[in-house]
Amino acid sequence: MNRTEEYIYYNALFDLYGNLLNEREQEIYRLFYEEDLSLQEIAEIRRISKSAVGSAIATLTKKLQEYEEKLRFLKKEQALKKMISKISDESLKEKILKILNHD
């Protein structure tokens, strides 16, 4: 998985499971994946070591993967979106996607 694919994958997992992470993990996630800060920059902001940031990222990404392995919400969401794309009634498609996208 290249860096772009990794970002897309973890952003999808974070959208689904981010609230299950503690506040510290959520902040580190956002700084690394959403703001694209380096480990050193995050360490300076959080006033922790660079290795602590790396460990936190490894831990939180592992948690996100474990949630997906157990719950499979991302896999189910992707399968549903694939099926929805085959619906010809655009109004119905929009209503289903709105529910699926939590709008």
N, C-alpha and C. Protein backbone atom coordinates (compact mmCIF):
# COMPACT_ATOMS: atom_id res chain seq x y z
N MET A 1 0.85 -1.17 0.00
CA MET A 1 0.00 0.00 0.00
C MET A 1 0.90 1.24 0.00
N ASN A 2 0.69 2.13 -0.99
CA ASN A 2 1.50 3.35 -1.01
C ASN A 2 0.93 4.37 -0.03
N ARG A 3 1.62 5.46 0.13
CA ARG A 3 1.25 6.46 1.15
C ARG A 3 -0.16 7.01 0.92
N THR A 4 -0.51 7.29 -0.32
CA THR A 4 -1.84 7.82 -0.64
C THR A 4 -2.92 6.80 -0.29
N GLU A 5 -2.70 5.56 -0.68
CA GLU A 5 -3.66 4.50 -0.35
C GLU A 5 -3.78 4.31 1.16
N GLU A 6 -2.66 4.42 1.85
CA GLU A 6 -2.65 4.30 3.31
C GLU A 6 -3.50 5.41 3.93
N TYR A 7 -3.31 6.64 3.46
CA TYR A 7 -4.07 7.77 3.99
C TYR A 7 -5.57 7.58 3.75
N ILE A 8 -5.94 7.17 2.55
CA ILE A 8 -7.34 6.95 2.22
C ILE A 8 -7.93 5.86 3.11
N TYR A 9 -7.21 4.77 3.26
CA TYR A 9 -7.67 3.64 4.07
C TYR A 9 -7.86 4.05 5.53
N TYR A 10 -6.85 4.68 6.12
CA TYR A 10 -6.96 5.06 7.52
C TYR A 10 -7.97 6.17 7.74
N ASN A 11 -8.15 7.07 6.78
CA ASN A 11 -9.19 8.09 6.91
C ASN A 11 -10.57 7.45 6.91
N ALA A 12 -10.76 6.44 6.06
CA ALA A 12 -12.04 5.73 6.05
C ALA A 12 -12.28 5.03 7.38
N LEU A 13 -11.23 4.37 7.90
CA LEU A 13 -11.37 3.70 9.20
C LEU A 13 -11.61 4.72 10.31
N PHE A 14 -10.90 5.85 10.26
CA PHE A 14 -11.07 6.87 11.29
C PHE A 14 -12.48 7.45 11.26
N ASP A 15 -13.03 7.64 10.07
CA ASP A 15 -14.41 8.14 9.95
C ASP A 15 -15.38 7.20 10.66
N LEU A 16 -15.12 5.91 10.54
CA LEU A 16 -16.01 4.91 11.15
C LEU A 16 -15.74 4.68 12.63
N TYR A 17 -14.48 4.62 13.01
CA TYR A 17 -14.11 4.17 14.36
C TYR A 17 -13.36 5.21 15.19
N GLY A 18 -13.15 6.39 14.67
CA GLY A 18 -12.36 7.40 15.36
C GLY A 18 -12.86 7.74 16.75
N ASN A 19 -14.17 7.71 16.94
CA ASN A 19 -14.73 8.03 18.26
C ASN A 19 -14.40 6.97 19.30
N LEU A 20 -13.91 5.81 18.87
CA LEU A 20 -13.53 4.77 19.81
C LEU A 20 -12.11 4.97 20.35
N LEU A 21 -11.37 5.87 19.71
CA LEU A 21 -10.02 6.21 20.19
C LEU A 21 -10.13 7.27 21.28
N ASN A 22 -9.15 7.31 22.17
CA ASN A 22 -9.18 8.35 23.19
C ASN A 22 -8.79 9.70 22.56
N GLU A 23 -8.98 10.78 23.31
CA GLU A 23 -8.73 12.12 22.78
C GLU A 23 -7.29 12.32 22.30
N ARG A 24 -6.34 11.79 23.04
CA ARG A 24 -4.92 11.91 22.68
C ARG A 24 -4.66 11.23 21.35
N GLU A 25 -5.19 10.01 21.20
CA GLU A 25 -5.01 9.27 19.94
C GLU A 25 -5.68 9.99 18.78
N GLN A 26 -6.87 10.54 19.02
CA GLN A 26 -7.57 11.29 17.97
C GLN A 26 -6.76 12.50 17.53
N GLU A 27 -6.18 13.21 18.48
CA GLU A 27 -5.38 14.39 18.14
C GLU A 27 -4.14 14.00 17.34
N ILE A 28 -3.43 12.97 17.79
CA ILE A 28 -2.23 12.53 17.08
C ILE A 28 -2.61 12.03 15.68
N TYR A 29 -3.71 11.32 15.58
CA TYR A 29 -4.18 10.86 14.26
C TYR A 29 -4.38 12.07 13.34
N ARG A 30 -5.13 13.05 13.81
CA ARG A 30 -5.43 14.23 12.97
C ARG A 30 -4.17 14.97 12.55
N LEU A 31 -3.26 15.13 13.49
CA LEU A 31 -2.02 15.84 13.16
C LEU A 31 -1.21 15.09 12.12
N PHE A 32 -1.16 13.77 12.22
CA PHE A 32 -0.34 12.97 11.30
C PHE A 32 -1.04 12.75 9.95
N TYR A 33 -2.28 12.26 9.99
CA TYR A 33 -2.96 11.89 8.74
C TYR A 33 -3.72 13.03 8.07
N GLU A 34 -4.28 13.94 8.85
CA GLU A 34 -5.07 15.01 8.24
C GLU A 34 -4.25 16.27 7.98
N GLU A 35 -3.37 16.60 8.93
CA GLU A 35 -2.55 17.80 8.74
C GLU A 35 -1.19 17.48 8.14
N ASP A 36 -0.88 16.20 8.01
CA ASP A 36 0.34 15.72 7.36
C ASP A 36 1.61 16.25 8.03
N LEU A 37 1.57 16.32 9.37
CA LEU A 37 2.75 16.76 10.11
C LEU A 37 3.70 15.59 10.30
N SER A 38 4.97 15.91 10.45
CA SER A 38 5.98 14.87 10.69
C SER A 38 5.93 14.43 12.15
N LEU A 39 6.58 13.31 12.43
CA LEU A 39 6.66 12.83 13.80
C LEU A 39 7.30 13.88 14.69
N GLN A 40 8.35 14.52 14.19
CA GLN A 40 9.05 15.55 14.95
C GLN A 40 8.14 16.74 15.25
N GLU A 41 7.39 17.17 14.26
CA GLU A 41 6.48 18.31 14.47
C GLU A 41 5.41 17.98 15.51
N ILE A 42 4.87 16.78 15.43
CA ILE A 42 3.86 16.35 16.40
C ILE A 42 4.48 16.25 17.79
N ALA A 43 5.68 15.73 17.86
CA ALA A 43 6.38 15.61 19.15
C ALA A 43 6.55 16.99 19.80
N GLU A 44 6.89 17.98 18.99
CA GLU A 44 7.07 19.33 19.52
C GLU A 44 5.74 19.92 20.00
N ILE A 45 4.68 19.70 19.24
CA ILE A 45 3.36 20.20 19.62
C ILE A 45 2.87 19.55 20.91
N ARG A 46 3.03 18.23 20.98
CA ARG A 46 2.53 17.46 22.12
C ARG A 46 3.52 17.43 23.30
N ARG A 47 4.74 17.92 23.04
CA ARG A 47 5.80 17.92 24.06
C ARG A 47 6.10 16.50 24.56
N ILE A 48 6.24 15.62 23.58
CA ILE A 48 6.63 14.24 23.85
C ILE A 48 7.74 13.86 22.88
N SER A 49 8.32 12.70 23.08
CA SER A 49 9.41 12.29 22.19
C SER A 49 8.87 11.86 20.82
N LYS A 50 9.75 11.92 19.86
CA LYS A 50 9.42 11.49 18.50
C LYS A 50 9.05 10.00 18.51
N SER A 51 9.75 9.20 19.30
CA SER A 51 9.45 7.77 19.37
C SER A 51 8.09 7.52 20.02
N ALA A 52 7.69 8.39 20.97
CA ALA A 52 6.37 8.25 21.58
C ALA A 52 5.27 8.52 20.55
N VAL A 53 5.51 9.47 19.67
CA VAL A 53 4.56 9.76 18.60
C VAL A 53 4.46 8.56 17.66
N GLY A 54 5.60 8.02 17.26
CA GLY A 54 5.61 6.84 16.39
C GLY A 54 4.88 5.66 17.02
N SER A 55 5.10 5.46 18.30
CA SER A 55 4.41 4.37 19.02
C SER A 55 2.92 4.62 19.07
N ALA A 56 2.53 5.87 19.32
CA ALA A 56 1.10 6.20 19.39
C ALA A 56 0.42 5.96 18.04
N ILE A 57 1.10 6.34 16.95
CA ILE A 57 0.53 6.12 15.62
C ILE A 57 0.41 4.63 15.33
N ALA A 58 1.43 3.87 15.68
CA ALA A 58 1.38 2.41 15.48
C ALA A 58 0.24 1.80 16.29
N THR A 59 0.06 2.26 17.52
CA THR A 59 -1.00 1.73 18.38
C THR A 59 -2.38 2.09 17.85
N LEU A 60 -2.57 3.35 17.48
CA LEU A 60 -3.90 3.75 17.04
C LEU A 60 -4.27 3.15 15.69
N THR A 61 -3.30 2.99 14.78
CA THR A 61 -3.62 2.36 13.50
C THR A 61 -3.93 0.87 13.71
N LYS A 62 -3.24 0.26 14.64
CA LYS A 62 -3.53 -1.14 14.96
C LYS A 62 -4.94 -1.26 15.53
N LYS A 63 -5.32 -0.34 16.39
CA LYS A 63 -6.67 -0.35 16.95
C LYS A 63 -7.72 -0.21 15.85
N LEU A 64 -7.50 0.73 14.93
CA LEU A 64 -8.44 0.93 13.83
C LEU A 64 -8.57 -0.33 12.99
N GLN A 65 -7.44 -0.98 12.71
CA GLN A 65 -7.47 -2.22 11.94
C GLN A 65 -8.21 -3.32 12.70
N GLU A 66 -7.99 -3.41 14.01
CA GLU A 66 -8.67 -4.43 14.81
C GLU A 66 -10.17 -4.20 14.86
N TYR A 67 -10.59 -2.93 14.95
CA TYR A 67 -12.02 -2.63 14.93
C TYR A 67 -12.62 -3.10 13.61
N GLU A 68 -11.92 -2.82 12.50
CA GLU A 68 -12.43 -3.23 11.19
C GLU A 68 -12.44 -4.75 11.05
N GLU A 69 -11.41 -5.42 11.55
CA GLU A 69 -11.38 -6.89 11.47
C GLU A 69 -12.56 -7.51 12.21
N LYS A 70 -12.94 -6.90 13.33
CA LYS A 70 -14.03 -7.44 14.14
C LYS A 70 -15.41 -7.01 13.63
N LEU A 71 -15.54 -5.76 13.24
CA LEU A 71 -16.85 -5.21 12.89
C LEU A 71 -17.14 -5.19 11.39
N ARG A 72 -16.10 -5.04 10.59
CA ARG A 72 -16.20 -5.04 9.13
C ARG A 72 -17.14 -3.98 8.56
N PHE A 73 -17.26 -2.84 9.23
CA PHE A 73 -18.13 -1.77 8.75
C PHE A 73 -17.66 -1.20 7.42
N LEU A 74 -16.35 -1.02 7.27
CA LEU A 74 -15.83 -0.46 6.02
C LEU A 74 -16.10 -1.41 4.85
N LYS A 75 -15.84 -2.68 5.07
CA LYS A 75 -16.09 -3.67 4.02
C LYS A 75 -17.57 -3.70 3.64
N LYS A 76 -18.44 -3.65 4.65
CA LYS A 76 -19.88 -3.66 4.40
C LYS A 76 -20.31 -2.39 3.68
N GLU A 77 -19.76 -1.25 4.11
CA GLU A 77 -20.10 0.02 3.48
C GLU A 77 -19.70 0.02 2.00
N GLN A 78 -18.51 -0.48 1.72
CA GLN A 78 -18.05 -0.53 0.33
C GLN A 78 -18.93 -1.46 -0.51
N ALA A 79 -19.33 -2.58 0.05
CA ALA A 79 -20.21 -3.52 -0.67
C ALA A 79 -21.57 -2.88 -0.93
N LEU A 80 -22.11 -2.19 0.06
CA LEU A 80 -23.40 -1.51 -0.11
C LEU A 80 -23.31 -0.43 -1.18
N LYS A 81 -22.24 0.35 -1.16
CA LYS A 81 -22.08 1.41 -2.16
C LYS A 81 -21.98 0.82 -3.57
N LYS A 82 -21.35 -0.32 -3.69
CA LYS A 82 -21.25 -0.98 -4.99
C LYS A 82 -22.64 -1.41 -5.47
N MET A 83 -23.43 -1.97 -4.56
CA MET A 83 -24.79 -2.38 -4.91
C MET A 83 -25.66 -1.16 -5.24
N ILE A 84 -25.51 -0.10 -4.46
CA ILE A 84 -26.29 1.12 -4.66
C ILE A 84 -25.99 1.73 -6.03
N SER A 85 -24.76 1.63 -6.47
CA SER A 85 -24.39 2.20 -7.76
C SER A 85 -25.16 1.55 -8.92
N LYS A 86 -25.71 0.37 -8.68
CA LYS A 86 -26.45 -0.34 -9.72
C LYS A 86 -27.94 0.00 -9.72
N ILE A 87 -28.40 0.79 -8.75
CA ILE A 87 -29.80 1.20 -8.68
C ILE A 87 -30.04 2.29 -9.72
N SER A 88 -31.07 2.11 -10.51
CA SER A 88 -31.34 3.08 -11.57
C SER A 88 -32.18 4.28 -11.08
N ASP A 89 -32.94 4.11 -10.03
CA ASP A 89 -33.77 5.20 -9.49
C ASP A 89 -32.86 6.16 -8.71
N GLU A 90 -32.57 7.31 -9.32
CA GLU A 90 -31.63 8.27 -8.72
C GLU A 90 -32.12 8.83 -7.39
N SER A 91 -33.41 9.03 -7.27
CA SER A 91 -33.97 9.56 -6.02
C SER A 91 -33.76 8.56 -4.88
N LEU A 92 -34.05 7.30 -5.15
CA LEU A 92 -33.85 6.25 -4.16
C LEU A 92 -32.37 6.12 -3.81
N LYS A 93 -31.53 6.16 -4.84
CA LYS A 93 -30.08 6.06 -4.63
C LYS A 93 -29.59 7.18 -3.70
N GLU A 94 -30.04 8.40 -3.94
CA GLU A 94 -29.64 9.54 -3.10
C GLU A 94 -30.08 9.35 -1.66
N LYS A 95 -31.30 8.88 -1.45
CA LYS A 95 -31.82 8.67 -0.09
C LYS A 95 -31.02 7.61 0.65
N ILE A 96 -30.70 6.54 -0.03
CA ILE A 96 -29.93 5.46 0.61
C ILE A 96 -28.52 5.95 0.94
N LEU A 97 -27.87 6.64 0.00
CA LEU A 97 -26.53 7.15 0.23
C LEU A 97 -26.51 8.17 1.37
N LYS A 98 -27.56 8.98 1.48
CA LYS A 98 -27.65 9.94 2.56
C LYS A 98 -27.66 9.23 3.92
N ILE A 99 -28.43 8.16 4.01
CA ILE A 99 -28.48 7.37 5.25
C ILE A 99 -27.12 6.73 5.51
N LEU A 100 -26.54 6.14 4.49
CA LEU A 100 -25.26 5.46 4.63
C LEU A 100 -24.14 6.41 5.03
N ASN A 101 -24.18 7.64 4.52
CA ASN A 101 -23.14 8.63 4.80
C ASN A 101 -23.41 9.43 6.07
N HIS A 102 -24.39 9.03 6.84
CA HIS A 102 -24.68 9.63 8.15
C HIS A 102 -25.08 11.11 8.03
N ASP A 103 -25.71 11.51 6.93
CA ASP A 103 -26.14 12.91 6.75
C ASP A 103 -27.53 13.11 7.31
